[in-house]
Amino acid sequence: MARIDPKIARLAQLPLFEGCSTKELLEIGAHLDEVALPAGATLTHEGAIEPQAFLLASGRAEVRAHGVVVAELSGGELVGEISLLDRTRSRTATVTALTPVVAFVLTPRDLASILNLSPVVAERVHREWARRAAALETLAS
């Protein structure tokens, strides 16, 4: 019996990749670097232009926009994807780890590759992007 790579096993547990084949997960995994961040670490800074997004594998993070807590994220959720998908935008929120976090780092190129590899993942990411962008527009007005 072949041993499953721990990184691929973690990806398979995330709702974003639900239904992906092992082959797809291996291809997606090739585009992701895993990092461990302590509680209190800042993943994104509101207003900044930063070259990466994060996919939380475990842990919890707080989202603040305009100084107001607007969400709490947990394992399986994307952080910072809005500014990667809409390259004209700076960060819309500051995201801070509430607990130790294990996350996968995505560069713009990595995210584009993953979206091209899996239409299902692309649809999920774009749907969430639209939902978050609308919520932030409402908050800003």
N, C-alpha and C. Protein backbone atom coordinates (compact mmCIF):
# COMPACT_ATOMS: atom_id res chain seq x y z
N MET A 1 0.84 -1.18 0.00
CA MET A 1 0.00 0.00 0.00
C MET A 1 0.89 1.24 0.00
N ALA A 2 0.64 2.15 -0.92
CA ALA A 2 1.44 3.36 -1.04
C ALA A 2 1.12 4.32 0.11
N ARG A 3 2.15 4.95 0.60
CA ARG A 3 1.98 5.92 1.68
C ARG A 3 1.59 7.27 1.07
N ILE A 4 0.59 7.92 1.66
CA ILE A 4 0.11 9.20 1.16
C ILE A 4 0.96 10.31 1.76
N ASP A 5 1.41 11.21 0.91
CA ASP A 5 2.18 12.38 1.34
C ASP A 5 1.32 13.16 2.33
N PRO A 6 1.88 13.55 3.51
CA PRO A 6 1.08 14.28 4.50
C PRO A 6 0.49 15.59 3.96
N LYS A 7 1.22 16.29 3.11
CA LYS A 7 0.71 17.53 2.53
C LYS A 7 -0.52 17.25 1.67
N ILE A 8 -0.46 16.22 0.86
CA ILE A 8 -1.58 15.86 0.00
C ILE A 8 -2.77 15.41 0.85
N ALA A 9 -2.49 14.69 1.92
CA ALA A 9 -3.56 14.26 2.83
C ALA A 9 -4.25 15.47 3.46
N ARG A 10 -3.49 16.51 3.83
CA ARG A 10 -4.08 17.74 4.39
C ARG A 10 -4.94 18.45 3.34
N LEU A 11 -4.43 18.52 2.11
CA LEU A 11 -5.21 19.15 1.04
C LEU A 11 -6.53 18.43 0.82
N ALA A 12 -6.48 17.11 0.85
CA ALA A 12 -7.69 16.31 0.62
C ALA A 12 -8.76 16.56 1.68
N GLN A 13 -8.35 17.01 2.87
CA GLN A 13 -9.29 17.28 3.96
C GLN A 13 -9.98 18.64 3.84
N LEU A 14 -9.46 19.51 2.99
CA LEU A 14 -9.99 20.87 2.89
C LEU A 14 -11.19 20.94 1.95
N PRO A 15 -12.25 21.62 2.38
CA PRO A 15 -13.47 21.70 1.55
C PRO A 15 -13.21 22.26 0.14
N LEU A 16 -12.25 23.16 0.01
CA LEU A 16 -11.95 23.74 -1.30
C LEU A 16 -11.61 22.66 -2.34
N PHE A 17 -10.98 21.59 -1.88
CA PHE A 17 -10.52 20.55 -2.79
C PHE A 17 -11.39 19.29 -2.76
N GLU A 18 -12.55 19.39 -2.14
CA GLU A 18 -13.46 18.26 -2.07
C GLU A 18 -13.79 17.79 -3.49
N GLY A 19 -13.66 16.51 -3.72
CA GLY A 19 -13.97 15.94 -5.02
C GLY A 19 -12.80 15.92 -5.98
N CYS A 20 -11.67 16.51 -5.61
CA CYS A 20 -10.49 16.47 -6.48
C CYS A 20 -9.87 15.07 -6.46
N SER A 21 -9.38 14.66 -7.59
CA SER A 21 -8.71 13.36 -7.68
C SER A 21 -7.33 13.45 -7.03
N THR A 22 -6.74 12.30 -6.75
CA THR A 22 -5.38 12.27 -6.21
C THR A 22 -4.42 12.95 -7.17
N LYS A 23 -4.61 12.72 -8.45
CA LYS A 23 -3.75 13.35 -9.46
C LYS A 23 -3.87 14.87 -9.38
N GLU A 24 -5.10 15.38 -9.30
CA GLU A 24 -5.30 16.83 -9.17
C GLU A 24 -4.64 17.36 -7.91
N LEU A 25 -4.82 16.63 -6.79
CA LEU A 25 -4.22 17.07 -5.53
C LEU A 25 -2.70 17.11 -5.61
N LEU A 26 -2.11 16.13 -6.28
CA LEU A 26 -0.65 16.13 -6.46
C LEU A 26 -0.20 17.33 -7.29
N GLU A 27 -0.95 17.63 -8.35
CA GLU A 27 -0.61 18.78 -9.19
C GLU A 27 -0.80 20.09 -8.43
N ILE A 28 -1.89 20.19 -7.67
CA ILE A 28 -2.15 21.38 -6.86
C ILE A 28 -1.07 21.53 -5.79
N GLY A 29 -0.76 20.43 -5.12
CA GLY A 29 0.24 20.44 -4.05
C GLY A 29 1.60 20.92 -4.52
N ALA A 30 1.92 20.69 -5.78
CA ALA A 30 3.20 21.13 -6.33
C ALA A 30 3.30 22.66 -6.36
N HIS A 31 2.18 23.34 -6.28
CA HIS A 31 2.15 24.80 -6.33
C HIS A 31 2.06 25.45 -4.95
N LEU A 32 2.06 24.66 -3.90
CA LEU A 32 1.83 25.18 -2.56
C LEU A 32 3.00 24.89 -1.62
N ASP A 33 3.44 25.91 -0.91
CA ASP A 33 4.42 25.74 0.16
C ASP A 33 3.67 25.87 1.48
N GLU A 34 4.02 25.02 2.43
CA GLU A 34 3.36 25.01 3.72
C GLU A 34 4.17 25.81 4.72
N VAL A 35 3.48 26.63 5.53
CA VAL A 35 4.14 27.40 6.57
C VAL A 35 3.38 27.25 7.88
N ALA A 36 4.10 27.36 8.98
CA ALA A 36 3.50 27.37 10.31
C ALA A 36 3.70 28.76 10.89
N LEU A 37 2.61 29.36 11.37
CA LEU A 37 2.66 30.71 11.91
C LEU A 37 2.14 30.70 13.35
N PRO A 38 2.78 31.47 14.23
CA PRO A 38 2.32 31.50 15.62
C PRO A 38 1.07 32.37 15.79
N ALA A 39 0.38 32.17 16.90
CA ALA A 39 -0.74 33.06 17.23
C ALA A 39 -0.19 34.48 17.28
N GLY A 40 -0.98 35.41 16.76
CA GLY A 40 -0.56 36.81 16.73
C GLY A 40 0.11 37.23 15.43
N ALA A 41 0.50 36.27 14.60
CA ALA A 41 1.14 36.60 13.32
C ALA A 41 0.13 37.26 12.40
N THR A 42 0.57 38.27 11.67
CA THR A 42 -0.29 38.95 10.70
C THR A 42 -0.07 38.32 9.33
N LEU A 43 -1.15 37.84 8.74
CA LEU A 43 -1.08 37.23 7.42
C LEU A 43 -1.19 38.27 6.32
N THR A 44 -2.08 39.26 6.50
CA THR A 44 -2.23 40.34 5.53
C THR A 44 -2.44 41.65 6.28
N HIS A 45 -2.05 42.74 5.64
CA HIS A 45 -2.21 44.09 6.20
C HIS A 45 -3.15 44.89 5.30
N GLU A 46 -4.23 45.41 5.87
CA GLU A 46 -5.19 46.21 5.10
C GLU A 46 -4.46 47.37 4.41
N GLY A 47 -4.74 47.54 3.13
CA GLY A 47 -4.15 48.63 2.36
C GLY A 47 -2.82 48.29 1.71
N ALA A 48 -2.19 47.23 2.15
CA ALA A 48 -0.88 46.85 1.59
C ALA A 48 -1.06 46.11 0.27
N ILE A 49 -0.02 46.14 -0.52
CA ILE A 49 0.03 45.32 -1.73
C ILE A 49 1.04 44.23 -1.45
N GLU A 50 0.54 43.02 -1.26
CA GLU A 50 1.38 41.89 -0.87
C GLU A 50 1.25 40.79 -1.92
N PRO A 51 2.34 40.07 -2.19
CA PRO A 51 2.36 39.15 -3.32
C PRO A 51 1.88 37.72 -3.05
N GLN A 52 1.13 37.50 -1.98
CA GLN A 52 0.70 36.13 -1.72
C GLN A 52 -0.65 36.08 -1.02
N ALA A 53 -1.25 34.91 -1.11
CA ALA A 53 -2.48 34.60 -0.38
C ALA A 53 -2.17 33.36 0.45
N PHE A 54 -3.09 33.02 1.33
CA PHE A 54 -2.90 31.85 2.19
C PHE A 54 -4.17 31.01 2.17
N LEU A 55 -3.98 29.72 2.23
CA LEU A 55 -5.06 28.77 2.42
C LEU A 55 -4.84 28.15 3.78
N LEU A 56 -5.73 28.44 4.73
CA LEU A 56 -5.57 27.91 6.07
C LEU A 56 -5.82 26.40 6.08
N ALA A 57 -4.84 25.67 6.58
CA ALA A 57 -5.02 24.22 6.73
C ALA A 57 -5.54 23.91 8.12
N SER A 58 -5.08 24.69 9.11
CA SER A 58 -5.56 24.54 10.49
C SER A 58 -5.35 25.85 11.22
N GLY A 59 -6.07 26.00 12.32
CA GLY A 59 -5.98 27.21 13.12
C GLY A 59 -7.11 28.17 12.81
N ARG A 60 -7.09 29.30 13.53
CA ARG A 60 -8.14 30.32 13.35
C ARG A 60 -7.49 31.68 13.17
N ALA A 61 -8.13 32.53 12.40
CA ALA A 61 -7.62 33.87 12.15
C ALA A 61 -8.78 34.86 12.17
N GLU A 62 -8.47 36.09 12.60
CA GLU A 62 -9.45 37.16 12.67
C GLU A 62 -9.27 38.11 11.50
N VAL A 63 -10.38 38.55 10.92
CA VAL A 63 -10.36 39.48 9.79
C VAL A 63 -10.90 40.82 10.28
N ARG A 64 -10.09 41.87 10.09
CA ARG A 64 -10.50 43.24 10.44
C ARG A 64 -10.45 44.11 9.20
N ALA A 65 -11.56 44.78 8.93
CA ALA A 65 -11.63 45.74 7.83
C ALA A 65 -12.09 47.06 8.41
N HIS A 66 -11.37 48.13 8.10
CA HIS A 66 -11.69 49.45 8.63
C HIS A 66 -11.76 49.43 10.16
N GLY A 67 -10.89 48.61 10.78
CA GLY A 67 -10.81 48.54 12.23
C GLY A 67 -11.88 47.72 12.91
N VAL A 68 -12.76 47.11 12.13
CA VAL A 68 -13.88 46.34 12.67
C VAL A 68 -13.67 44.86 12.37
N VAL A 69 -13.88 44.00 13.38
CA VAL A 69 -13.81 42.57 13.14
C VAL A 69 -15.01 42.18 12.29
N VAL A 70 -14.72 41.62 11.11
CA VAL A 70 -15.80 41.28 10.18
C VAL A 70 -15.96 39.77 10.00
N ALA A 71 -14.96 39.01 10.43
CA ALA A 71 -15.07 37.56 10.27
C ALA A 71 -14.00 36.87 11.08
N GLU A 72 -14.24 35.59 11.32
CA GLU A 72 -13.23 34.69 11.87
C GLU A 72 -13.13 33.53 10.91
N LEU A 73 -11.92 33.24 10.50
CA LEU A 73 -11.68 32.17 9.53
C LEU A 73 -11.06 30.98 10.23
N SER A 74 -11.27 29.81 9.65
CA SER A 74 -10.67 28.59 10.20
C SER A 74 -10.14 27.74 9.05
N GLY A 75 -9.64 26.58 9.40
CA GLY A 75 -9.05 25.69 8.40
C GLY A 75 -9.92 25.51 7.18
N GLY A 76 -9.28 25.61 6.01
CA GLY A 76 -9.97 25.42 4.75
C GLY A 76 -10.33 26.71 4.04
N GLU A 77 -10.13 27.85 4.69
CA GLU A 77 -10.53 29.11 4.08
C GLU A 77 -9.33 29.86 3.50
N LEU A 78 -9.62 30.61 2.45
CA LEU A 78 -8.60 31.43 1.78
C LEU A 78 -8.48 32.78 2.46
N VAL A 79 -7.26 33.31 2.45
CA VAL A 79 -6.96 34.63 3.01
C VAL A 79 -6.14 35.38 1.97
N GLY A 80 -6.59 36.55 1.57
CA GLY A 80 -5.81 37.38 0.66
C GLY A 80 -6.01 37.11 -0.81
N GLU A 81 -6.98 36.28 -1.14
CA GLU A 81 -7.18 35.94 -2.54
C GLU A 81 -7.76 37.08 -3.35
N ILE A 82 -8.49 37.99 -2.70
CA ILE A 82 -9.13 39.08 -3.44
C ILE A 82 -8.09 39.93 -4.16
N SER A 83 -7.01 40.27 -3.48
CA SER A 83 -6.01 41.13 -4.12
C SER A 83 -5.22 40.38 -5.19
N LEU A 84 -5.17 39.04 -5.11
CA LEU A 84 -4.49 38.28 -6.16
C LEU A 84 -5.38 38.13 -7.39
N LEU A 85 -6.67 37.96 -7.16
CA LEU A 85 -7.59 37.80 -8.28
C LEU A 85 -7.87 39.13 -8.97
N ASP A 86 -7.90 40.19 -8.20
CA ASP A 86 -8.12 41.53 -8.73
C ASP A 86 -6.84 42.32 -8.48
N ARG A 87 -5.91 42.20 -9.37
CA ARG A 87 -4.55 42.74 -9.16
C ARG A 87 -4.51 44.26 -8.99
N THR A 88 -5.61 44.92 -9.21
CA THR A 88 -5.63 46.37 -9.05
C THR A 88 -5.92 46.77 -7.60
N ARG A 89 -6.26 45.82 -6.77
CA ARG A 89 -6.68 46.12 -5.40
C ARG A 89 -5.58 45.86 -4.39
N SER A 90 -5.53 46.72 -3.40
CA SER A 90 -4.67 46.45 -2.25
C SER A 90 -5.47 45.56 -1.29
N ARG A 91 -4.84 45.14 -0.23
CA ARG A 91 -5.52 44.28 0.74
C ARG A 91 -6.75 44.96 1.29
N THR A 92 -7.83 44.22 1.38
CA THR A 92 -9.09 44.77 1.87
C THR A 92 -9.25 44.62 3.37
N ALA A 93 -8.36 43.84 4.00
CA ALA A 93 -8.48 43.60 5.44
C ALA A 93 -7.13 43.18 6.02
N THR A 94 -7.05 43.32 7.33
CA THR A 94 -5.91 42.78 8.07
C THR A 94 -6.36 41.45 8.66
N VAL A 95 -5.56 40.43 8.46
CA VAL A 95 -5.89 39.10 8.97
C VAL A 95 -4.78 38.69 9.93
N THR A 96 -5.18 38.35 11.16
CA THR A 96 -4.24 38.00 12.22
C THR A 96 -4.58 36.61 12.77
N ALA A 97 -3.56 35.80 12.96
CA ALA A 97 -3.75 34.46 13.52
C ALA A 97 -4.19 34.57 14.98
N LEU A 98 -5.31 33.94 15.32
CA LEU A 98 -5.78 33.89 16.71
C LEU A 98 -5.15 32.72 17.45
N THR A 99 -4.80 31.68 16.71
CA THR A 99 -4.16 30.48 17.25
C THR A 99 -2.97 30.18 16.34
N PRO A 100 -2.13 29.25 16.71
CA PRO A 100 -1.13 28.82 15.72
C PRO A 100 -1.85 28.35 14.47
N VAL A 101 -1.27 28.71 13.32
CA VAL A 101 -1.89 28.42 12.02
C VAL A 101 -0.91 27.64 11.16
N VAL A 102 -1.41 26.65 10.47
CA VAL A 102 -0.67 26.00 9.39
C VAL A 102 -1.39 26.42 8.12
N ALA A 103 -0.63 26.96 7.17
CA ALA A 103 -1.25 27.48 5.96
C ALA A 103 -0.40 27.12 4.75
N PHE A 104 -1.06 27.12 3.60
CA PHE A 104 -0.38 26.95 2.32
C PHE A 104 -0.29 28.33 1.69
N VAL A 105 0.90 28.69 1.19
CA VAL A 105 1.13 30.00 0.59
C VAL A 105 0.89 29.89 -0.92
N LEU A 106 0.17 30.88 -1.45
CA LEU A 106 -0.11 30.94 -2.89
C LEU A 106 0.39 32.26 -3.46
N THR A 107 1.21 32.19 -4.47
CA THR A 107 1.59 33.38 -5.22
C THR A 107 0.53 33.58 -6.30
N PRO A 108 0.51 34.73 -6.97
CA PRO A 108 -0.46 34.91 -8.06
C PRO A 108 -0.34 33.81 -9.13
N ARG A 109 0.88 33.44 -9.46
CA ARG A 109 1.09 32.39 -10.46
C ARG A 109 0.56 31.04 -9.96
N ASP A 110 0.82 30.74 -8.68
CA ASP A 110 0.32 29.48 -8.10
C ASP A 110 -1.20 29.43 -8.15
N LEU A 111 -1.83 30.54 -7.74
CA LEU A 111 -3.29 30.57 -7.72
C LEU A 111 -3.85 30.40 -9.13
N ALA A 112 -3.27 31.08 -10.10
CA ALA A 112 -3.72 30.95 -11.49
C ALA A 112 -3.57 29.51 -11.97
N SER A 113 -2.46 28.88 -11.64
CA SER A 113 -2.23 27.48 -12.05
C SER A 113 -3.26 26.56 -11.44
N ILE A 114 -3.54 26.74 -10.15
CA ILE A 114 -4.51 25.89 -9.48
C ILE A 114 -5.90 26.07 -10.08
N LEU A 115 -6.28 27.31 -10.37
CA LEU A 115 -7.59 27.57 -10.95
C LEU A 115 -7.70 26.95 -12.34
N ASN A 116 -6.59 26.92 -13.07
CA ASN A 116 -6.59 26.27 -14.40
C ASN A 116 -6.61 24.75 -14.29
N LEU A 117 -6.04 24.20 -13.23
CA LEU A 117 -5.99 22.75 -13.05
C LEU A 117 -7.35 22.16 -12.71
N SER A 118 -8.18 22.93 -12.00
CA SER A 118 -9.45 22.38 -11.53
C SER A 118 -10.58 23.38 -11.70
N PRO A 119 -11.46 23.15 -12.66
CA PRO A 119 -12.62 24.04 -12.83
C PRO A 119 -13.51 24.09 -11.59
N VAL A 120 -13.59 22.99 -10.86
CA VAL A 120 -14.42 22.95 -9.65
C VAL A 120 -13.84 23.89 -8.60
N VAL A 121 -12.53 23.83 -8.39
CA VAL A 121 -11.87 24.71 -7.43
C VAL A 121 -12.01 26.16 -7.90
N ALA A 122 -11.83 26.40 -9.19
CA ALA A 122 -11.95 27.76 -9.73
C ALA A 122 -13.34 28.33 -9.45
N GLU A 123 -14.38 27.54 -9.65
CA GLU A 123 -15.74 28.00 -9.41
C GLU A 123 -15.94 28.32 -7.93
N ARG A 124 -15.42 27.49 -7.03
CA ARG A 124 -15.56 27.73 -5.59
C ARG A 124 -14.83 29.00 -5.18
N VAL A 125 -13.61 29.20 -5.69
CA VAL A 125 -12.83 30.38 -5.35
C VAL A 125 -13.52 31.64 -5.86
N HIS A 126 -13.98 31.63 -7.08
CA HIS A 126 -14.63 32.82 -7.64
C HIS A 126 -15.96 33.13 -6.94
N ARG A 127 -16.69 32.12 -6.55
CA ARG A 127 -17.94 32.34 -5.82
C ARG A 127 -17.66 33.00 -4.46
N GLU A 128 -16.63 32.49 -3.76
CA GLU A 128 -16.28 33.07 -2.46
C GLU A 128 -15.73 34.49 -2.63
N TRP A 129 -14.94 34.70 -3.67
CA TRP A 129 -14.39 36.03 -3.96
C TRP A 129 -15.53 37.03 -4.15
N ALA A 130 -16.52 36.67 -4.93
CA ALA A 130 -17.66 37.56 -5.18
C ALA A 130 -18.42 37.84 -3.89
N ARG A 131 -18.61 36.83 -3.07
CA ARG A 131 -19.33 37.01 -1.80
C ARG A 131 -18.56 37.96 -0.89
N ARG A 132 -17.26 37.75 -0.76
CA ARG A 132 -16.45 38.60 0.12
C ARG A 132 -16.35 40.02 -0.41
N ALA A 133 -16.16 40.16 -1.70
CA ALA A 133 -16.06 41.51 -2.28
C ALA A 133 -17.34 42.29 -2.04
N ALA A 134 -18.50 41.65 -2.20
CA ALA A 134 -19.78 42.30 -1.96
C ALA A 134 -19.91 42.69 -0.49
N ALA A 135 -19.51 41.81 0.40
CA ALA A 135 -19.60 42.11 1.85
C ALA A 135 -18.70 43.29 2.21
N LEU A 136 -17.51 43.36 1.62
CA LEU A 136 -16.60 44.46 1.91
C LEU A 136 -17.12 45.78 1.34
N GLU A 137 -17.74 45.74 0.17
CA GLU A 137 -18.34 46.94 -0.41
C GLU A 137 -19.44 47.47 0.50
N THR A 138 -20.24 46.57 1.05
CA THR A 138 -21.31 46.95 1.96
C THR A 138 -20.73 47.59 3.21
N LEU A 139 -19.66 47.02 3.73
CA LEU A 139 -19.02 47.54 4.94
C LEU A 139 -18.43 48.92 4.68
N ALA A 140 -17.87 49.14 3.51
CA ALA A 140 -17.23 50.41 3.18
C ALA A 140 -18.23 51.54 2.99
N SER A 141 -19.47 51.19 2.65
CA SER A 141 -20.44 52.25 2.37
C SER A 141 -21.23 52.67 3.60
